[in-house]
Structures are given as structure tokens and as C-alpha cells.
Amino acid sequence: QVQLVESGGGSAQPGETLRLSCVASVRSFSINVMGWYRQAPGKQRSLVAAITATGVTDYADSVKGRFTISRDNSKNTLYLQMNSLKPEDTAVYFCAAGLMSNWPPRAADFGSWGQGTQVTVSS
């Protein structure tokens, strides 16, 4: 199993920027997809963005054009660049990794999860 440790969460005002990082404890070849999920109070956890080992990406409609997912395989690190933040982006963000058989991935494809990092957007 992959151990994932997130960092970079915090507070921001609407329109500001945050970047999340997630370091994986094993070599990237043991997984073929990584992603970011988020869960707001009272809501289900939902996919924000996902990326394959070759760099193919997928985004939730609500973050397209504002968020960018990327990965540095040499550092076993996943990133989520969040621009133009909105109050509705407030949530706990989770890093996830796994093996998928189809694209886009399903939640069941992600076998490893980080502990989560809080992102709060308010004025």
C-alpha cells in the first residue's frame, strides 16, 4: 500500500491561490493513477482532479480552468495548483493513489488515501 502525506492547505480569500502537495512513499510505477478528492461538511467526497502515469488529466467541471493537477515522478509528488479560489472550494482535500483499469477512474480504483488537508476560502 502507498502512504500519502498532503501539505499546503490553509486559508485564502476568494480569488487567491493555494497549492497542495502530496508525497507518496513508494515508487510511482506501483500505481497508475493519482488524484485529489474533496469533502465539504455534510457532502460526499468527490473527485476534483486525476492524473495518469503518462500525464493524462481529468477535472471536475466546477474546477476546470482554475485548478491544475500535476505530478513529479522523480520526487514521487503530486500537486494541485488552485487558482481563483471560491468559497465553495472550502473542503478537506484528500490525495489518493491506485491502479485503474478504465479512464476516467472511479473512487474504487484508489486504494490509498492521505489524511486530508483543510482548505478554507472566505473573505
N, C-alpha and C. Protein backbone atom coordinates (compact mmCIF):
# COMPACT_ATOMS: atom_id res chain seq x y z
N GLN A 1 0.84 -1.18 0.00
CA GLN A 1 0.00 0.00 0.00
C GLN A 1 0.88 1.25 0.00
N VAL A 2 0.38 2.29 -0.64
CA VAL A 2 1.11 3.54 -0.75
C VAL A 2 0.74 4.44 0.41
N GLN A 3 1.74 5.04 1.04
CA GLN A 3 1.47 6.04 2.07
C GLN A 3 1.55 7.42 1.43
N LEU A 4 0.55 8.24 1.72
CA LEU A 4 0.44 9.56 1.11
C LEU A 4 0.37 10.62 2.20
N VAL A 5 1.14 11.68 2.04
CA VAL A 5 1.16 12.77 3.02
C VAL A 5 0.93 14.08 2.29
N GLU A 6 -0.19 14.73 2.62
CA GLU A 6 -0.53 16.01 1.98
C GLU A 6 0.03 17.18 2.77
N SER A 7 0.20 18.29 2.07
CA SER A 7 0.57 19.55 2.71
C SER A 7 0.11 20.69 1.82
N GLY A 8 0.10 21.89 2.38
CA GLY A 8 -0.22 23.07 1.58
C GLY A 8 -1.60 23.64 1.77
N GLY A 9 -2.42 23.00 2.57
CA GLY A 9 -3.74 23.55 2.83
C GLY A 9 -3.66 24.80 3.69
N GLY A 10 -4.79 25.44 3.90
CA GLY A 10 -4.82 26.63 4.73
C GLY A 10 -5.99 27.51 4.37
N SER A 11 -5.87 28.78 4.71
CA SER A 11 -6.94 29.73 4.44
C SER A 11 -6.55 30.69 3.32
N ALA A 12 -7.54 31.09 2.56
CA ALA A 12 -7.32 32.04 1.47
C ALA A 12 -8.58 32.86 1.28
N GLN A 13 -8.42 34.00 0.67
CA GLN A 13 -9.57 34.83 0.32
C GLN A 13 -10.01 34.48 -1.09
N PRO A 14 -11.25 34.75 -1.43
CA PRO A 14 -11.72 34.50 -2.80
C PRO A 14 -10.82 35.16 -3.81
N GLY A 15 -10.48 34.41 -4.85
CA GLY A 15 -9.61 34.91 -5.90
C GLY A 15 -8.14 34.60 -5.68
N GLU A 16 -7.79 34.16 -4.49
CA GLU A 16 -6.39 33.87 -4.20
C GLU A 16 -6.01 32.46 -4.66
N THR A 17 -4.74 32.13 -4.37
CA THR A 17 -4.16 30.88 -4.86
C THR A 17 -3.59 30.05 -3.71
N LEU A 18 -3.74 28.75 -3.82
CA LEU A 18 -3.09 27.80 -2.93
C LEU A 18 -2.55 26.65 -3.76
N ARG A 19 -1.52 25.99 -3.27
CA ARG A 19 -1.01 24.79 -3.94
C ARG A 19 -0.88 23.68 -2.91
N LEU A 20 -1.47 22.57 -3.23
CA LEU A 20 -1.39 21.38 -2.39
C LEU A 20 -0.31 20.45 -2.94
N SER A 21 0.36 19.77 -2.04
CA SER A 21 1.36 18.77 -2.42
C SER A 21 1.04 17.45 -1.73
N CYS A 22 1.45 16.38 -2.34
CA CYS A 22 1.23 15.05 -1.78
C CYS A 22 2.44 14.19 -2.12
N VAL A 23 3.13 13.73 -1.09
CA VAL A 23 4.31 12.89 -1.30
C VAL A 23 3.92 11.44 -1.08
N ALA A 24 4.25 10.59 -2.07
CA ALA A 24 3.96 9.17 -1.99
C ALA A 24 5.19 8.41 -1.49
N SER A 25 4.96 7.38 -0.69
CA SER A 25 6.07 6.69 -0.04
C SER A 25 6.69 5.60 -0.89
N VAL A 26 6.08 5.27 -2.02
CA VAL A 26 6.63 4.21 -2.87
C VAL A 26 6.87 4.75 -4.26
N ARG A 27 7.58 3.97 -5.03
CA ARG A 27 7.87 4.39 -6.39
C ARG A 27 6.60 4.47 -7.21
N SER A 28 6.57 5.43 -8.12
CA SER A 28 5.34 5.70 -8.86
C SER A 28 4.93 4.56 -9.77
N PHE A 29 5.85 3.62 -10.08
CA PHE A 29 5.46 2.58 -11.02
C PHE A 29 4.51 1.58 -10.40
N SER A 30 4.31 1.64 -9.09
CA SER A 30 3.39 0.70 -8.43
C SER A 30 1.96 1.17 -8.53
N ILE A 31 1.72 2.37 -9.05
CA ILE A 31 0.38 2.90 -9.21
C ILE A 31 0.30 3.50 -10.62
N ASN A 32 -0.91 3.61 -11.15
CA ASN A 32 -1.02 4.23 -12.47
C ASN A 32 -1.97 5.42 -12.51
N VAL A 33 -2.52 5.76 -11.36
CA VAL A 33 -3.37 6.94 -11.30
C VAL A 33 -3.27 7.58 -9.92
N MET A 34 -3.26 8.89 -9.90
CA MET A 34 -3.31 9.64 -8.65
C MET A 34 -4.37 10.72 -8.81
N GLY A 35 -4.89 11.16 -7.68
CA GLY A 35 -5.94 12.16 -7.78
C GLY A 35 -6.13 12.94 -6.50
N TRP A 36 -6.92 13.96 -6.61
CA TRP A 36 -7.34 14.77 -5.47
C TRP A 36 -8.86 14.69 -5.35
N TYR A 37 -9.31 14.38 -4.16
CA TYR A 37 -10.72 14.40 -3.82
C TYR A 37 -10.94 15.50 -2.78
N ARG A 38 -12.19 15.90 -2.62
CA ARG A 38 -12.50 16.84 -1.55
C ARG A 38 -13.86 16.50 -0.94
N GLN A 39 -13.98 16.89 0.32
CA GLN A 39 -15.23 16.64 1.02
C GLN A 39 -15.57 17.85 1.88
N ALA A 40 -16.68 18.46 1.56
CA ALA A 40 -17.18 19.60 2.33
C ALA A 40 -18.12 19.08 3.42
N PRO A 41 -18.32 19.85 4.48
CA PRO A 41 -19.21 19.40 5.56
C PRO A 41 -20.60 19.05 5.04
N GLY A 42 -21.06 17.88 5.40
CA GLY A 42 -22.40 17.46 5.01
C GLY A 42 -22.51 16.95 3.59
N LYS A 43 -21.39 16.86 2.88
CA LYS A 43 -21.41 16.41 1.48
C LYS A 43 -20.54 15.18 1.30
N GLN A 44 -20.79 14.48 0.21
CA GLN A 44 -19.98 13.30 -0.09
C GLN A 44 -18.63 13.71 -0.66
N ARG A 45 -17.67 12.81 -0.49
CA ARG A 45 -16.36 13.03 -1.08
C ARG A 45 -16.48 12.94 -2.60
N SER A 46 -15.85 13.87 -3.31
CA SER A 46 -15.96 13.90 -4.76
C SER A 46 -14.61 14.16 -5.40
N LEU A 47 -14.45 13.65 -6.61
CA LEU A 47 -13.20 13.80 -7.34
C LEU A 47 -13.03 15.24 -7.81
N VAL A 48 -11.85 15.79 -7.55
CA VAL A 48 -11.50 17.13 -8.03
C VAL A 48 -10.73 17.01 -9.33
N ALA A 49 -9.70 16.18 -9.32
CA ALA A 49 -8.85 16.01 -10.49
C ALA A 49 -8.09 14.70 -10.38
N ALA A 50 -7.75 14.13 -11.52
CA ALA A 50 -6.97 12.90 -11.55
C ALA A 50 -5.93 12.99 -12.66
N ILE A 51 -4.87 12.21 -12.51
CA ILE A 51 -3.79 12.22 -13.50
C ILE A 51 -3.21 10.83 -13.61
N THR A 52 -2.94 10.40 -14.84
CA THR A 52 -2.34 9.10 -15.05
C THR A 52 -0.82 9.19 -14.97
N ALA A 53 -0.17 8.04 -15.04
CA ALA A 53 1.29 8.00 -15.00
C ALA A 53 1.90 8.71 -16.21
N THR A 54 1.16 8.81 -17.29
CA THR A 54 1.66 9.46 -18.50
C THR A 54 1.20 10.90 -18.63
N GLY A 55 0.48 11.40 -17.61
CA GLY A 55 0.12 12.81 -17.61
C GLY A 55 -1.25 13.16 -18.15
N VAL A 56 -2.06 12.17 -18.46
CA VAL A 56 -3.43 12.45 -18.90
C VAL A 56 -4.23 12.91 -17.68
N THR A 57 -5.01 13.97 -17.84
CA THR A 57 -5.73 14.55 -16.70
C THR A 57 -7.24 14.59 -16.92
N ASP A 58 -7.93 14.69 -15.81
CA ASP A 58 -9.39 14.84 -15.83
C ASP A 58 -9.77 15.72 -14.65
N TYR A 59 -10.77 16.58 -14.85
CA TYR A 59 -11.15 17.53 -13.82
C TYR A 59 -12.67 17.53 -13.62
N ALA A 60 -13.06 17.85 -12.40
CA ALA A 60 -14.47 18.12 -12.16
C ALA A 60 -14.83 19.41 -12.88
N ASP A 61 -16.05 19.49 -13.37
CA ASP A 61 -16.47 20.69 -14.11
C ASP A 61 -16.32 21.96 -13.27
N SER A 62 -16.52 21.84 -11.98
CA SER A 62 -16.51 23.02 -11.10
C SER A 62 -15.12 23.63 -10.95
N VAL A 63 -14.07 22.90 -11.31
CA VAL A 63 -12.71 23.43 -11.15
C VAL A 63 -11.96 23.60 -12.46
N LYS A 64 -12.57 23.19 -13.56
CA LYS A 64 -11.89 23.32 -14.86
C LYS A 64 -11.54 24.77 -15.15
N GLY A 65 -10.30 24.99 -15.59
CA GLY A 65 -9.84 26.33 -15.88
C GLY A 65 -9.28 27.07 -14.68
N ARG A 66 -9.47 26.52 -13.48
CA ARG A 66 -8.96 27.16 -12.27
C ARG A 66 -7.91 26.30 -11.57
N PHE A 67 -8.10 25.01 -11.57
CA PHE A 67 -7.19 24.08 -10.89
C PHE A 67 -6.35 23.33 -11.91
N THR A 68 -5.12 23.00 -11.51
CA THR A 68 -4.25 22.20 -12.36
C THR A 68 -3.60 21.11 -11.53
N ILE A 69 -3.75 19.88 -11.98
CA ILE A 69 -3.10 18.75 -11.32
C ILE A 69 -1.83 18.41 -12.09
N SER A 70 -0.78 18.07 -11.36
CA SER A 70 0.47 17.69 -11.99
C SER A 70 1.20 16.72 -11.06
N ARG A 71 2.20 16.05 -11.61
CA ARG A 71 2.97 15.13 -10.80
C ARG A 71 4.43 15.18 -11.21
N ASP A 72 5.30 14.98 -10.24
CA ASP A 72 6.73 14.90 -10.48
C ASP A 72 7.15 13.50 -10.08
N ASN A 73 7.28 12.61 -11.06
CA ASN A 73 7.58 11.22 -10.76
C ASN A 73 8.96 11.06 -10.11
N SER A 74 9.89 11.95 -10.40
CA SER A 74 11.23 11.85 -9.81
C SER A 74 11.19 12.12 -8.31
N LYS A 75 10.17 12.86 -7.88
CA LYS A 75 10.03 13.20 -6.46
C LYS A 75 8.87 12.46 -5.81
N ASN A 76 8.20 11.58 -6.57
CA ASN A 76 7.02 10.88 -6.05
C ASN A 76 6.01 11.85 -5.45
N THR A 77 5.81 12.97 -6.12
CA THR A 77 4.98 14.03 -5.56
C THR A 77 3.88 14.42 -6.53
N LEU A 78 2.69 14.61 -5.99
CA LEU A 78 1.51 15.06 -6.72
C LEU A 78 1.19 16.48 -6.26
N TYR A 79 0.74 17.31 -7.19
CA TYR A 79 0.41 18.69 -6.86
C TYR A 79 -1.02 19.03 -7.32
N LEU A 80 -1.58 20.02 -6.66
CA LEU A 80 -2.83 20.61 -7.12
C LEU A 80 -2.69 22.12 -6.97
N GLN A 81 -2.56 22.79 -8.10
CA GLN A 81 -2.48 24.24 -8.13
C GLN A 81 -3.91 24.77 -8.20
N MET A 82 -4.30 25.56 -7.21
CA MET A 82 -5.67 26.06 -7.14
C MET A 82 -5.66 27.58 -7.28
N ASN A 83 -6.14 28.06 -8.41
CA ASN A 83 -6.21 29.50 -8.67
C ASN A 83 -7.66 29.96 -8.60
N SER A 84 -7.83 31.26 -8.47
CA SER A 84 -9.17 31.86 -8.45
C SER A 84 -10.10 31.12 -7.50
N LEU A 85 -9.63 30.94 -6.29
CA LEU A 85 -10.40 30.17 -5.31
C LEU A 85 -11.74 30.83 -5.01
N LYS A 86 -12.73 29.98 -4.75
CA LYS A 86 -14.07 30.43 -4.41
C LYS A 86 -14.48 29.85 -3.05
N PRO A 87 -15.41 30.49 -2.37
CA PRO A 87 -15.86 29.94 -1.08
C PRO A 87 -16.35 28.50 -1.19
N GLU A 88 -16.94 28.15 -2.31
CA GLU A 88 -17.43 26.78 -2.48
C GLU A 88 -16.31 25.75 -2.66
N ASP A 89 -15.06 26.21 -2.74
CA ASP A 89 -13.93 25.27 -2.77
C ASP A 89 -13.53 24.83 -1.37
N THR A 90 -14.14 25.44 -0.37
CA THR A 90 -13.84 25.07 1.01
C THR A 90 -14.18 23.62 1.27
N ALA A 91 -13.19 22.86 1.73
CA ALA A 91 -13.37 21.43 1.96
C ALA A 91 -12.08 20.86 2.53
N VAL A 92 -12.15 19.61 2.94
CA VAL A 92 -10.95 18.84 3.23
C VAL A 92 -10.54 18.16 1.93
N TYR A 93 -9.30 18.33 1.55
CA TYR A 93 -8.79 17.77 0.30
C TYR A 93 -7.93 16.54 0.61
N PHE A 94 -8.20 15.48 -0.13
CA PHE A 94 -7.51 14.20 0.07
C PHE A 94 -6.73 13.83 -1.18
N CYS A 95 -5.52 13.40 -0.97
CA CYS A 95 -4.71 12.81 -2.03
C CYS A 95 -5.02 11.32 -2.11
N ALA A 96 -5.05 10.78 -3.31
CA ALA A 96 -5.37 9.37 -3.47
C ALA A 96 -4.52 8.77 -4.57
N ALA A 97 -4.26 7.47 -4.45
CA ALA A 97 -3.45 6.77 -5.46
C ALA A 97 -3.98 5.36 -5.64
N GLY A 98 -3.79 4.82 -6.84
CA GLY A 98 -4.27 3.46 -7.06
C GLY A 98 -3.97 2.94 -8.44
N LEU A 99 -4.59 1.83 -8.76
CA LEU A 99 -4.48 1.19 -10.06
C LEU A 99 -5.84 1.18 -10.71
N MET A 100 -5.96 1.72 -11.89
CA MET A 100 -7.23 1.76 -12.59
C MET A 100 -7.16 0.88 -13.82
N SER A 101 -8.33 0.42 -14.24
CA SER A 101 -8.42 -0.34 -15.47
C SER A 101 -9.10 0.44 -16.57
N ASN A 102 -9.83 1.48 -16.21
CA ASN A 102 -10.52 2.31 -17.20
C ASN A 102 -10.35 3.77 -16.82
N TRP A 103 -10.52 4.62 -17.82
CA TRP A 103 -10.42 6.07 -17.63
C TRP A 103 -11.75 6.69 -18.01
N PRO A 104 -12.23 7.65 -17.23
CA PRO A 104 -11.64 8.19 -16.00
C PRO A 104 -11.79 7.22 -14.84
N PRO A 105 -11.00 7.40 -13.81
CA PRO A 105 -11.01 6.45 -12.71
C PRO A 105 -12.26 6.58 -11.84
N ARG A 106 -12.57 5.50 -11.14
CA ARG A 106 -13.64 5.51 -10.17
C ARG A 106 -13.04 5.58 -8.77
N ALA A 107 -13.83 5.97 -7.80
CA ALA A 107 -13.33 6.04 -6.42
C ALA A 107 -12.77 4.70 -5.97
N ALA A 108 -13.38 3.60 -6.42
CA ALA A 108 -12.93 2.27 -6.02
C ALA A 108 -11.54 1.94 -6.54
N ASP A 109 -11.07 2.67 -7.56
CA ASP A 109 -9.72 2.43 -8.10
C ASP A 109 -8.63 2.94 -7.17
N PHE A 110 -8.98 3.83 -6.27
CA PHE A 110 -7.99 4.45 -5.39
C PHE A 110 -7.92 3.66 -4.08
N GLY A 111 -6.84 2.89 -3.93
CA GLY A 111 -6.70 2.05 -2.74
C GLY A 111 -5.96 2.72 -1.60
N SER A 112 -5.30 3.83 -1.87
CA SER A 112 -4.52 4.51 -0.84
C SER A 112 -4.97 5.96 -0.74
N TRP A 113 -5.09 6.42 0.51
CA TRP A 113 -5.56 7.79 0.76
C TRP A 113 -4.70 8.48 1.79
N GLY A 114 -4.54 9.79 1.59
CA GLY A 114 -3.87 10.60 2.60
C GLY A 114 -4.82 10.96 3.73
N GLN A 115 -4.31 11.68 4.69
CA GLN A 115 -5.11 12.02 5.87
C GLN A 115 -6.00 13.23 5.64
N GLY A 116 -5.75 13.96 4.59
CA GLY A 116 -6.55 15.13 4.26
C GLY A 116 -5.94 16.43 4.77
N THR A 117 -6.20 17.50 4.04
CA THR A 117 -5.73 18.81 4.43
C THR A 117 -6.86 19.82 4.21
N GLN A 118 -7.08 20.69 5.18
CA GLN A 118 -8.20 21.62 5.14
C GLN A 118 -7.87 22.81 4.26
N VAL A 119 -8.81 23.16 3.38
CA VAL A 119 -8.74 24.38 2.58
C VAL A 119 -9.99 25.20 2.91
N THR A 120 -9.77 26.43 3.33
CA THR A 120 -10.88 27.31 3.68
C THR A 120 -10.77 28.60 2.88
N VAL A 121 -11.83 28.92 2.16
CA VAL A 121 -11.85 30.13 1.33
C VAL A 121 -12.97 31.03 1.83
N SER A 122 -12.59 32.17 2.36
CA SER A 122 -13.58 33.10 2.87
C SER A 122 -12.99 34.49 2.90
N SER A 123 -13.88 35.47 2.87
CA SER A 123 -13.43 36.86 2.93
C SER A 123 -13.54 37.39 4.36
